[in-house]
Structures are given as structure tokens and as C-alpha cells.
């Protein structure tokens, strides 16, 4: 019973699609260049949103386990021993978590998230600067 019903359904769908394509949707509507310009405006913001969401998901320890950035790698930048820098780092980390309302501070300092945060900052700067200075710089390039 199932196979003949499936065959009948596919045959009906084929006939309806054929009629609709040949008769109803024969000529596509004319959209013009506005849609192209709109998508070119949205694409950089879509990239910024994609990087932001990927950083947020990578920061979730249930999805992808990661360690927190090791404070001993910045030992040369801070005066004192490695224990002093670790204590400074722990104090800063606790203050950042307490001051953060959405939990972004604990995610940003993870090893697998920090490069995404740097990329996100760079993309935001470039996108905003291009939106502001683009009309003045674009005639020089093209």
C-alpha cells in the first residue's frame, strides 16, 4: 500500500511542479540592482555575526572543552615571579566574572576563543571604518 501511494504522490508532485514552472512561473520578476546592493551591505555584518556566535559557542565548556589562557606566558611582561603573575591573573579573572552580567568574561579568556575575539575586534573596526570612510576612499581605488 505504501509504495503505490508514494508513486502516486510523486507523480502528482511532478505534474503540479511542471505546470507551475511552465505556466505560472515562466518569467521571473525583475528585482533590479537594489537587492545586490542590499546584500553587499549586509555581508560584512553577517561575517561579524558569524564570528561572534562562533566565539560564544567555542566558549561553552560543555560543547568544546578548553583551558583558560595560562598566565605564565605573560610572566616576562609582569614584574615579579610566576606566582605573582598567576595571583594577579586570578584576581583579575574573578573581578571580571563578578562584573560580567552575561558570562562573556569567562569565555573570552579561553584558549580557543581568544583568537576569535581578536578577529571579531578587527572585523568590527574594519567594517565600521569602511562604512564611515568608504565613500571617501572608494573613488581613489576604483
Protein backbone atom coordinates (compact mmCIF):
# COMPACT_ATOMS: atom_id res chain seq x y z
CA UNK A 1 0.00 0.00 0.00
CA UNK A 2 2.84 2.35 0.81
CA UNK A 3 4.72 2.00 -2.50
CA UNK A 4 1.74 2.76 -4.77
CA UNK A 5 0.77 5.70 -2.56
CA UNK A 6 4.32 7.06 -2.75
CA UNK A 7 4.40 6.61 -6.53
CA UNK A 8 1.07 8.41 -6.89
CA UNK A 9 2.28 11.24 -4.67
CA UNK A 10 5.50 11.66 -6.67
CA UNK A 11 3.54 11.62 -9.96
CA UNK A 12 1.13 14.32 -8.68
CA UNK A 13 4.01 16.47 -7.40
CA UNK A 14 5.79 16.11 -10.73
CA UNK A 15 2.70 17.18 -12.68
CA UNK A 16 1.93 20.14 -10.42
CA UNK A 17 5.56 21.33 -10.47
CA UNK A 18 5.70 21.01 -14.27
CA UNK A 19 2.52 23.04 -14.73
CA UNK A 20 3.65 25.70 -12.28
CA UNK A 21 7.10 26.07 -13.81
CA UNK A 22 5.87 26.21 -17.41
CA UNK A 23 2.71 28.29 -16.95
CA UNK A 24 2.77 30.25 -13.72
CA UNK A 25 6.46 30.94 -13.02
CA UNK A 26 7.61 31.23 -16.61
CA UNK A 27 9.17 34.68 -16.27
CA UNK A 28 10.90 35.67 -13.02
CA UNK A 29 10.19 39.09 -11.54
CA UNK A 30 12.63 41.90 -12.25
CA UNK A 31 14.38 42.76 -8.99
CA UNK A 32 16.92 45.28 -10.25
CA UNK A 33 20.22 46.11 -8.58
CA UNK A 34 18.74 47.12 -5.22
CA UNK A 35 18.85 43.53 -3.96
CA UNK A 36 22.54 43.25 -4.89
CA UNK A 37 23.42 46.45 -3.06
CA UNK A 38 21.43 45.38 -0.02
CA UNK A 39 23.26 42.05 0.19
CA UNK A 40 26.63 43.74 -0.25
CA UNK A 41 25.73 45.96 2.69
CA UNK A 42 24.67 43.00 4.88
CA UNK A 43 27.53 40.57 4.09
CA UNK A 44 30.21 42.17 6.34
CA UNK A 45 27.72 42.29 9.21
CA UNK A 46 26.84 38.64 8.60
CA UNK A 47 30.54 37.78 8.89
CA UNK A 48 30.80 39.74 12.14
CA UNK A 49 27.74 37.92 13.50
CA UNK A 50 29.13 34.55 12.43
CA UNK A 51 32.45 35.15 14.20
CA UNK A 52 30.65 36.44 17.30
CA UNK A 53 28.42 33.37 17.54
CA UNK A 54 31.33 31.02 16.90
CA UNK A 55 33.30 32.67 19.71
CA UNK A 56 30.29 32.35 22.01
CA UNK A 57 29.81 28.65 21.18
CA UNK A 58 33.51 27.83 21.43
CA UNK A 59 33.45 29.41 24.88
CA UNK A 60 30.85 26.92 26.08
CA UNK A 61 32.79 24.31 28.02
CA UNK A 62 30.02 21.70 27.58
CA UNK A 63 30.44 21.77 23.80
CA UNK A 64 34.21 22.12 23.49
CA UNK A 65 36.47 21.83 26.48
CA UNK A 66 39.29 24.32 26.65
CA UNK A 67 41.70 25.67 29.19
CA UNK A 68 41.94 29.23 30.34
CA UNK A 69 44.86 31.26 28.99
CA UNK A 70 47.91 30.43 31.06
CA UNK A 71 49.22 33.45 32.99
CA UNK A 72 52.77 32.11 32.92
CA UNK A 73 53.06 33.05 29.22
CA UNK A 74 52.95 36.71 30.23
CA UNK A 75 55.49 36.28 33.02
CA UNK A 76 58.02 38.40 31.16
CA UNK A 77 55.53 41.25 30.89
CA UNK A 78 54.71 41.48 34.57
CA UNK A 79 57.23 42.29 37.28
CA UNK A 80 57.92 39.58 39.79
CA UNK A 81 57.77 35.81 39.70
CA UNK A 82 55.32 33.47 38.01
CA UNK A 83 53.36 33.09 41.25
CA UNK A 84 52.82 36.86 41.42
CA UNK A 85 51.55 36.97 37.84
CA UNK A 86 49.28 33.98 38.48
CA UNK A 87 47.82 35.69 41.53
CA UNK A 88 47.30 38.93 39.60
CA UNK A 89 45.65 36.96 36.83
CA UNK A 90 43.34 35.08 39.21
CA UNK A 91 42.33 38.33 40.92
CA UNK A 92 41.59 39.95 37.57
CA UNK A 93 39.68 36.87 36.38
CA UNK A 94 37.47 36.81 39.49
CA UNK A 95 36.73 40.54 39.20
CA UNK A 96 35.90 40.13 35.52
CA UNK A 97 33.47 37.28 36.22
CA UNK A 98 31.77 39.21 39.04
CA UNK A 99 31.38 42.36 36.92
CA UNK A 100 30.15 40.47 33.86
CA UNK A 101 26.40 40.06 33.64
CA UNK A 102 26.23 37.67 30.66
CA UNK A 103 29.26 35.48 31.30
CA UNK A 104 31.37 36.74 28.40
CA UNK A 105 34.46 37.36 30.55
CA UNK A 106 34.88 33.70 31.39
CA UNK A 107 34.52 32.78 27.72
CA UNK A 108 36.89 35.37 26.28
CA UNK A 109 39.91 34.16 28.22
CA UNK A 110 39.70 30.61 26.90
CA UNK A 111 42.48 29.46 24.59
CA UNK A 112 40.15 28.53 21.71
CA UNK A 113 38.04 31.71 21.97
CA UNK A 114 40.65 34.44 22.30
CA UNK A 115 41.73 34.33 18.60
CA UNK A 116 38.07 34.64 17.59
CA UNK A 117 37.65 37.64 19.87
CA UNK A 118 40.70 39.30 18.30
CA UNK A 119 39.33 38.54 14.82
CA UNK A 120 35.94 39.91 15.87
CA UNK A 121 37.51 43.14 17.10
CA UNK A 122 39.46 43.54 13.87
CA UNK A 123 36.40 42.83 11.72
CA UNK A 124 34.31 45.30 13.69
CA UNK A 125 36.96 48.01 13.31
CA UNK A 126 37.40 47.40 9.59
CA UNK A 127 33.65 47.23 8.94
CA UNK A 128 32.85 50.39 10.88
CA UNK A 129 35.76 52.29 9.34
CA UNK A 130 34.75 51.14 5.87
CA UNK A 131 31.18 52.31 6.49
CA UNK A 132 32.43 55.70 7.65
CA UNK A 133 35.37 56.27 5.31
CA UNK A 134 34.27 54.10 2.38
CA UNK A 135 32.54 56.82 0.37
CA UNK A 136 35.72 58.91 0.52
CA UNK A 137 38.24 56.12 -0.10
CA UNK A 138 36.32 54.14 -2.72
CA UNK A 139 36.78 56.73 -5.55
CA UNK A 140 40.55 56.57 -5.02
CA UNK A 141 40.65 52.81 -5.60
CA UNK A 142 38.14 52.31 -8.40
